[in-house]
Amino acid sequence: MLLAPADGRVDSSRGRTLIRNLVVAAALLVAATGCGAAKHDGVTIGHAIEPDGPQENGILGANNIAVGRVFRFAFPLLRNTSSDPLSVIRVHLDSVPNGIKVLGYHVYLTSVKDGYALDGLDGGGSSNDMTKHQSYSMSKLHIAPGRESDYFAMVAVTMTHDPSGIMSGCRVYYRQKNHEYTQLLSCKFFLHTNSSHPFGS
């Protein structure tokens, strides 16, 4: 808006100054509130986490799994690449096909004894039965700057019938400097009852 003095002439220099000041004030407000940042479901998309693991490069899965059995898949290991500590609040599998039911999310320790289990089948004498390992609270996923977490998350799922596709999208929600952020990490998981069914088809 330009300012008009009493004689009716337009003072364009004062108008430009006013507009410039308003633009600067609006930019400062956006920066302070984070309104200009990209969001997912109202949560600011962050960039502090770097994933580590084979989930980036292919599909983790298993055939010949009976309907109703509980199977677990590991989220990628999480590295904090920022200069501030962060705490994971929750994790979530973004895309779940018809035929798969998510039962919950669990946290385990990457130790010399247990290692980093990419998957697990509950019960039935399975060699990778994660119910035999201690499950921790999500608060254990507190990651110092420049460090990789000693803990990792797993999703527990079961089949109600042969799924229509693959599971994908390992979403992580975390808090850093009193702000909540989310990141979507690459991952693909697959289950099927047919022993010869190819992954992902």
C-alpha atoms as a PDB file:
ATOM      1  CA  MET A   1       0.000   0.000   0.000  1.00  0.00           C
ATOM      2  CA  LEU A   2       1.387   3.447  -0.942  1.00  0.00           C
ATOM      3  CA  LEU A   3       1.074   6.408   1.403  1.00  0.00           C
ATOM      4  CA  ALA A   4      -0.791   9.528   0.135  1.00  0.00           C
ATOM      5  CA  PRO A   5       0.111  12.868   1.767  1.00  0.00           C
ATOM      6  CA  ALA A   6      -2.414  15.701   2.248  1.00  0.00           C
ATOM      7  CA  ASP A   7      -1.812  17.223  -1.209  1.00  0.00           C
ATOM      8  CA  GLY A   8      -2.806  13.959  -2.897  1.00  0.00           C
ATOM      9  CA  ARG A   9       0.669  13.106  -4.265  1.00  0.00           C
ATOM     10  CA  VAL A  10       1.897   9.532  -3.766  1.00  0.00           C
ATOM     11  CA  ASP A  11       5.108   9.167  -1.757  1.00  0.00           C
ATOM     12  CA  SER A  12       6.393   5.984  -3.405  1.00  0.00           C
ATOM     13  CA  SER A  13       9.659   5.874  -1.424  1.00  0.00           C
ATOM     14  CA  ARG A  14       7.802   5.761   1.884  1.00  0.00           C
ATOM     15  CA  GLY A  15       5.458   3.127   0.394  1.00  0.00           C
ATOM     16  CA  ARG A  16       8.353   0.923  -0.696  1.00  0.00           C
ATOM     17  CA  THR A  17       9.925   1.240   2.760  1.00  0.00           C
ATOM     18  CA  LEU A  18       6.662   0.240   4.440  1.00  0.00           C
ATOM     19  CA  ILE A  19       6.201  -2.794   2.136  1.00  0.00           C
ATOM     20  CA  ARG A  20       9.828  -3.865   2.669  1.00  0.00           C
ATOM     21  CA  ASN A  21       9.408  -3.661   6.439  1.00  0.00           C
ATOM     22  CA  LEU A  22       6.219  -5.732   6.294  1.00  0.00           C
ATOM     23  CA  VAL A  23       7.914  -8.422   4.180  1.00  0.00           C
ATOM     24  CA  VAL A  24      10.860  -8.622   6.588  1.00  0.00           C
ATOM     25  CA  ALA A  25       8.514  -8.865   9.580  1.00  0.00           C
ATOM     26  CA  ALA A  26       6.531 -11.665   7.909  1.00  0.00           C
ATOM     27  CA  ALA A  27       9.725 -13.574   7.092  1.00  0.00           C
ATOM     28  CA  LEU A  28      10.904 -13.297  10.683  1.00  0.00           C
ATOM     29  CA  LEU A  29       7.539 -14.576  11.915  1.00  0.00           C
ATOM     30  CA  VAL A  30       7.714 -17.591   9.582  1.00  0.00           C
ATOM     31  CA  ALA A  31      11.251 -18.379  10.709  1.00  0.00           C
ATOM     32  CA  ALA A  32      10.296 -18.129  14.374  1.00  0.00           C
ATOM     33  CA  THR A  33       7.231 -20.332  14.099  1.00  0.00           C
ATOM     34  CA  GLY A  34       8.504 -22.818  11.521  1.00  0.00           C
ATOM     35  CA  CYS A  35       5.413 -22.159   9.395  1.00  0.00           C
ATOM     36  CA  GLY A  36       7.463 -22.187   6.213  1.00  0.00           C
ATOM     37  CA  ALA A  37       8.959 -25.658   6.785  1.00  0.00           C
ATOM     38  CA  ALA A  38       7.657 -28.705   4.933  1.00  0.00           C
ATOM     39  CA  LYS A  39       5.352 -30.831   7.054  1.00  0.00           C
ATOM     40  CA  HIS A  40       3.799 -34.308   7.151  1.00  0.00           C
ATOM     41  CA  ASP A  41       0.436 -34.480   8.917  1.00  0.00           C
ATOM     42  CA  GLY A  42       1.290 -31.244  10.697  1.00  0.00           C
ATOM     43  CA  VAL A  43       4.769 -32.377  11.855  1.00  0.00           C
ATOM     44  CA  THR A  44       7.883 -30.656  10.495  1.00  0.00           C
ATOM     45  CA  ILE A  45       9.993 -32.847   8.217  1.00  0.00           C
ATOM     46  CA  GLY A  46      13.485 -33.178   9.702  1.00  0.00           C
ATOM     47  CA  HIS A  47      16.873 -34.122   8.294  1.00  0.00           C
ATOM     48  CA  ALA A  48      18.931 -35.083  11.350  1.00  0.00           C
ATOM     49  CA  ILE A  49      18.679 -38.872  10.965  1.00  0.00           C
ATOM     50  CA  GLU A  50      20.797 -40.924   8.589  1.00  0.00           C
ATOM     51  CA  PRO A  51      19.648 -44.558   8.212  1.00  0.00           C
ATOM     52  CA  ASP A  52      22.059 -47.488   8.172  1.00  0.00           C
ATOM     53  CA  GLY A  53      21.221 -51.023   7.074  1.00  0.00           C
ATOM     54  CA  PRO A  54      20.264 -53.187   4.105  1.00  0.00           C
ATOM     55  CA  GLN A  55      16.704 -51.841   4.113  1.00  0.00           C
ATOM     56  CA  GLU A  56      17.899 -49.066   1.788  1.00  0.00           C
ATOM     57  CA  ASN A  57      18.844 -51.504  -0.966  1.00  0.00           C
ATOM     58  CA  GLY A  58      16.200 -54.204  -1.226  1.00  0.00           C
ATOM     59  CA  ILE A  59      13.266 -56.097   0.266  1.00  0.00           C
ATOM     60  CA  LEU A  60      13.405 -57.998   3.558  1.00  0.00           C
ATOM     61  CA  GLY A  61      10.887 -60.808   3.676  1.00  0.00           C
ATOM     62  CA  ALA A  62       9.937 -64.431   4.037  1.00  0.00           C
ATOM     63  CA  ASN A  63       7.832 -67.005   2.228  1.00  0.00           C
ATOM     64  CA  ASN A  64       6.071 -70.053   3.619  1.00  0.00           C
ATOM     65  CA  ILE A  65       4.818 -68.192   6.696  1.00  0.00           C
ATOM     66  CA  ALA A  66       1.548 -69.453   8.140  1.00  0.00           C
ATOM     67  CA  VAL A  67      -1.402 -67.112   8.561  1.00  0.00           C
ATOM     68  CA  GLY A  68      -1.560 -65.919  12.161  1.00  0.00           C
ATOM     69  CA  ARG A  69       2.166 -66.293  12.916  1.00  0.00           C
ATOM     70  CA  VAL A  70       3.864 -63.167  14.280  1.00  0.00           C
ATOM     71  CA  PHE A  71       6.787 -61.904  12.223  1.00  0.00           C
ATOM     72  CA  ARG A  72       9.033 -58.947  13.047  1.00  0.00           C
ATOM     73  CA  PHE A  73      11.004 -56.638  10.763  1.00  0.00           C
ATOM     74  CA  ALA A  74      13.781 -54.253  11.811  1.00  0.00           C
ATOM     75  CA  PHE A  75      13.757 -50.547  11.057  1.00  0.00           C
ATOM     76  CA  PRO A  76      17.119 -49.171   9.861  1.00  0.00           C
ATOM     77  CA  LEU A  77      19.739 -48.285  12.455  1.00  0.00           C
ATOM     78  CA  LEU A  78      19.576 -44.567  13.231  1.00  0.00           C
ATOM     79  CA  ARG A  79      22.516 -42.151  13.167  1.00  0.00           C
ATOM     80  CA  ASN A  80      22.187 -38.574  14.409  1.00  0.00           C
ATOM     81  CA  THR A  81      24.079 -36.416  11.925  1.00  0.00           C
ATOM     82  CA  SER A  82      23.200 -33.127  13.630  1.00  0.00           C
ATOM     83  CA  SER A  83      24.987 -31.191  16.372  1.00  0.00           C
ATOM     84  CA  ASP A  84      22.130 -31.615  18.865  1.00  0.00           C
ATOM     85  CA  PRO A  85      20.856 -34.736  20.679  1.00  0.00           C
ATOM     86  CA  LEU A  86      17.520 -36.193  19.619  1.00  0.00           C
ATOM     87  CA  SER A  87      14.994 -38.567  21.155  1.00  0.00           C
ATOM     88  CA  VAL A  88      12.770 -40.849  19.103  1.00  0.00           C
ATOM     89  CA  ILE A  89       9.140 -40.494  20.199  1.00  0.00           C
ATOM     90  CA  ARG A  90       7.541 -43.191  18.062  1.00  0.00           C
ATOM     91  CA  VAL A  91       7.940 -45.129  14.819  1.00  0.00           C
ATOM     92  CA  HIS A  92       5.383 -46.063  12.221  1.00  0.00           C
ATOM     93  CA  LEU A  93       5.099 -48.214   9.095  1.00  0.00           C
ATOM     94  CA  ASP A  94       3.668 -45.886   6.466  1.00  0.00           C
ATOM     95  CA  SER A  95       2.248 -48.338   3.935  1.00  0.00           C
ATOM     96  CA  VAL A  96       0.562 -51.592   5.039  1.00  0.00           C
ATOM     97  CA  PRO A  97      -1.181 -53.728   2.389  1.00  0.00           C
ATOM     98  CA  ASN A  98      -4.482 -55.526   2.805  1.00  0.00           C
ATOM     99  CA  GLY A  99      -3.795 -58.868   4.489  1.00  0.00           C
ATOM    100  CA  ILE A 100      -1.208 -57.522   6.953  1.00  0.00           C
ATOM    101  CA  LYS A 101      -2.037 -56.416  10.491  1.00  0.00           C
ATOM    102  CA  VAL A 102       0.440 -54.368  12.525  1.00  0.00           C
ATOM    103  CA  LEU A 103       0.543 -55.610  16.121  1.00  0.00           C
ATOM    104  CA  GLY A 104       2.998 -53.110  17.564  1.00  0.00           C
ATOM    105  CA  TYR A 105       6.496 -51.676  17.661  1.00  0.00           C
ATOM    106  CA  HIS A 106       9.357 -52.792  19.895  1.00  0.00           C
ATOM    107  CA  VAL A 107      12.907 -51.686  20.701  1.00  0.00           C
ATOM    108  CA  TYR A 108      15.912 -54.000  21.079  1.00  0.00           C
ATOM    109  CA  LEU A 109      19.594 -53.618  21.918  1.00  0.00           C
ATOM    110  CA  THR A 110      22.327 -54.060  19.328  1.00  0.00           C
ATOM    111  CA  SER A 111      24.850 -55.911  21.503  1.00  0.00           C
ATOM    112  CA  VAL A 112      27.690 -58.322  20.831  1.00  0.00           C
ATOM    113  CA  LYS A 113      25.393 -61.130  21.958  1.00  0.00           C
ATOM    114  CA  ASP A 114      22.198 -60.164  20.147  1.00  0.00           C
ATOM    115  CA  GLY A 115      23.579 -58.197  17.193  1.00  0.00           C
ATOM    116  CA  TYR A 116      21.227 -56.439  14.797  1.00  0.00           C
ATOM    117  CA  ALA A 117      18.365 -58.788  13.952  1.00  0.00           C
ATOM    118  CA  LEU A 118      16.851 -57.887  10.593  1.00  0.00           C
ATOM    119  CA  ASP A 119      13.764 -60.033  11.215  1.00  0.00           C
ATOM    120  CA  GLY A 120      12.280 -62.551  13.611  1.00  0.00           C
ATOM    121  CA  LEU A 121       9.568 -65.195  13.816  1.00  0.00           C
ATOM    122  CA  ASP A 122       7.833 -65.601  17.167  1.00  0.00           C
ATOM    123  CA  GLY A 123       7.525 -69.039  18.766  1.00  0.00           C
ATOM    124  CA  GLY A 124       7.630 -72.502  17.232  1.00  0.00           C
ATOM    125  CA  GLY A 125      11.260 -73.062  18.133  1.00  0.00           C
ATOM    126  CA  SER A 126      12.389 -70.318  15.749  1.00  0.00           C
ATOM    127  CA  SER A 127      16.093 -69.482  15.942  1.00  0.00           C
ATOM    128  CA  ASN A 128      15.309 -65.771  15.622  1.00  0.00           C
ATOM    129  CA  ASP A 129      12.453 -65.549  18.141  1.00  0.00           C
ATOM    130  CA  MET A 130      12.668 -61.958  19.409  1.00  0.00           C
ATOM    131  CA  THR A 131      10.343 -62.711  22.339  1.00  0.00           C
ATOM    132  CA  LYS A 132      13.400 -64.356  23.922  1.00  0.00           C
ATOM    133  CA  HIS A 133      15.197 -61.005  23.946  1.00  0.00           C
ATOM    134  CA  GLN A 134      14.491 -58.061  26.213  1.00  0.00           C
ATOM    135  CA  SER A 135      12.281 -55.368  24.733  1.00  0.00           C
ATOM    136  CA  TYR A 136      12.966 -51.777  25.806  1.00  0.00           C
ATOM    137  CA  SER A 137      10.970 -48.563  25.866  1.00  0.00           C
ATOM    138  CA  MET A 138      11.140 -46.100  22.986  1.00  0.00           C
ATOM    139  CA  SER A 139      13.002 -43.686  25.296  1.00  0.00           C
ATOM    140  CA  LYS A 140      16.139 -45.813  24.776  1.00  0.00           C
ATOM    141  CA  LEU A 141      16.339 -44.352  21.278  1.00  0.00           C
ATOM    142  CA  HIS A 142      18.028 -41.200  22.569  1.00  0.00           C
ATOM    143  CA  ILE A 143      20.886 -40.440  20.192  1.00  0.00           C
ATOM    144  CA  ALA A 144      23.836 -38.154  20.892  1.00  0.00           C
ATOM    145  CA  PRO A 145      25.169 -35.827  18.179  1.00  0.00           C
ATOM    146  CA  GLY A 146      27.219 -37.644  15.552  1.00  0.00           C
ATOM    147  CA  ARG A 147      26.449 -41.055  17.037  1.00  0.00           C
ATOM    148  CA  GLU A 148      24.551 -44.158  15.957  1.00  0.00           C
ATOM    149  CA  SER A 149      22.011 -45.554  18.398  1.00  0.00           C
ATOM    150  CA  ASP A 150      22.791 -48.745  20.322  1.00  0.00           C
ATOM    151  CA  TYR A 151      19.100 -49.647  20.012  1.00  0.00           C
ATOM    152  CA  PHE A 152      16.815 -50.320  17.064  1.00  0.00           C
ATOM    153  CA  ALA A 153      13.083 -50.588  16.458  1.00  0.00           C
ATOM    154  CA  MET A 154      11.121 -53.524  15.029  1.00  0.00           C
ATOM    155  CA  VAL A 155       7.555 -53.775  13.793  1.00  0.00           C
ATOM    156  CA  ALA A 156       5.544 -56.885  14.680  1.00  0.00           C
ATOM    157  CA  VAL A 157       3.018 -57.991  12.058  1.00  0.00           C
ATOM    158  CA  THR A 158       0.805 -60.935  11.237  1.00  0.00           C
ATOM    159  CA  MET A 159      -0.979 -62.101   8.082  1.00  0.00           C
ATOM    160  CA  THR A 160      -4.745 -62.432   7.992  1.00  0.00           C
ATOM    161  CA  HIS A 161      -4.435 -63.734   4.413  1.00  0.00           C
ATOM    162  CA  ASP A 162      -1.883 -63.430   1.623  1.00  0.00           C
ATOM    163  CA  PRO A 163      -1.171 -59.706   1.328  1.00  0.00           C
ATOM    164  CA  SER A 164      -1.931 -57.627  -1.731  1.00  0.00           C
ATOM    165  CA  GLY A 165       1.567 -56.122  -1.818  1.00  0.00           C
ATOM    166  CA  ILE A 166       4.594 -55.157   0.236  1.00  0.00           C
ATOM    167  CA  MET A 167       4.940 -53.138   3.416  1.00  0.00           C
ATOM    168  CA  SER A 168       7.035 -49.991   3.051  1.00  0.00           C
ATOM    169  CA  GLY A 169       8.099 -46.677   4.548  1.00  0.00           C
ATOM    170  CA  CYS A 170       9.791 -46.641   7.964  1.00  0.00           C
ATOM    171  CA  ARG A 171       8.665 -43.353   9.492  1.00  0.00           C
ATOM    172  CA  VAL A 172      10.410 -41.994  12.580  1.00  0.00           C
ATOM    173  CA  TYR A 173       9.107 -39.216  14.827  1.00  0.00           C
ATOM    174  CA  TYR A 174      11.639 -37.540  17.095  1.00  0.00           C
ATOM    175  CA  ARG A 175      12.075 -34.553  19.371  1.00  0.00           C
ATOM    176  CA  GLN A 176      15.011 -32.170  19.165  1.00  0.00           C
ATOM    177  CA  LYS A 177      15.427 -28.845  20.980  1.00  0.00           C
ATOM    178  CA  ASN A 178      11.761 -28.921  22.087  1.00  0.00           C
ATOM    179  CA  HIS A 179      10.495 -29.385  18.522  1.00  0.00           C
ATOM    180  CA  GLU A 180       8.956 -32.508  16.975  1.00  0.00           C
ATOM    181  CA  TYR A 181      10.180 -33.736  13.595  1.00  0.00           C
ATOM    182  CA  THR A 182       9.482 -36.669  11.308  1.00  0.00           C
ATOM    183  CA  GLN A 183      11.551 -38.491   8.694  1.00  0.00           C
ATOM    184  CA  LEU A 184      10.554 -41.189   6.243  1.00  0.00           C
ATOM    185  CA  LEU A 185      13.271 -43.823   5.815  1.00  0.00           C
ATOM    186  CA  SER A 186      13.386 -46.289   2.953  1.00  0.00           C
ATOM    187  CA  CYS A 187      12.360 -49.865   3.803  1.00  0.00           C
ATOM    188  CA  LYS A 188      10.373 -52.664   2.154  1.00  0.00           C
ATOM    189  CA  PHE A 189       9.057 -55.799   3.879  1.00  0.00           C
ATOM    190  CA  PHE A 190       7.277 -58.815   2.449  1.00  0.00           C
ATOM    191  CA  LEU A 191       5.435 -61.907   3.720  1.00  0.00           C
ATOM    192  CA  HIS A 192       3.606 -64.692   1.904  1.00  0.00           C
ATOM    193  CA  THR A 193       2.266 -68.170   2.634  1.00  0.00           C
ATOM    194  CA  ASN A 194       3.473 -69.610  -0.690  1.00  0.00           C
ATOM    195  CA  SER A 195       7.009 -71.015  -0.433  1.00  0.00           C
ATOM    196  CA  SER A 196       7.758 -70.177  -4.076  1.00  0.00           C
ATOM    197  CA  HIS A 197       6.101 -66.754  -4.273  1.00  0.00           C
ATOM    198  CA  PRO A 198       8.688 -64.140  -5.429  1.00  0.00           C
ATOM    199  CA  PHE A 199       9.221 -61.145  -3.166  1.00  0.00           C
ATOM    200  CA  GLY A 200       7.335 -58.052  -4.173  1.00  0.00           C
ATOM    201  CA  SER A 201       5.181 -59.614  -6.882  1.00  0.00           C
END
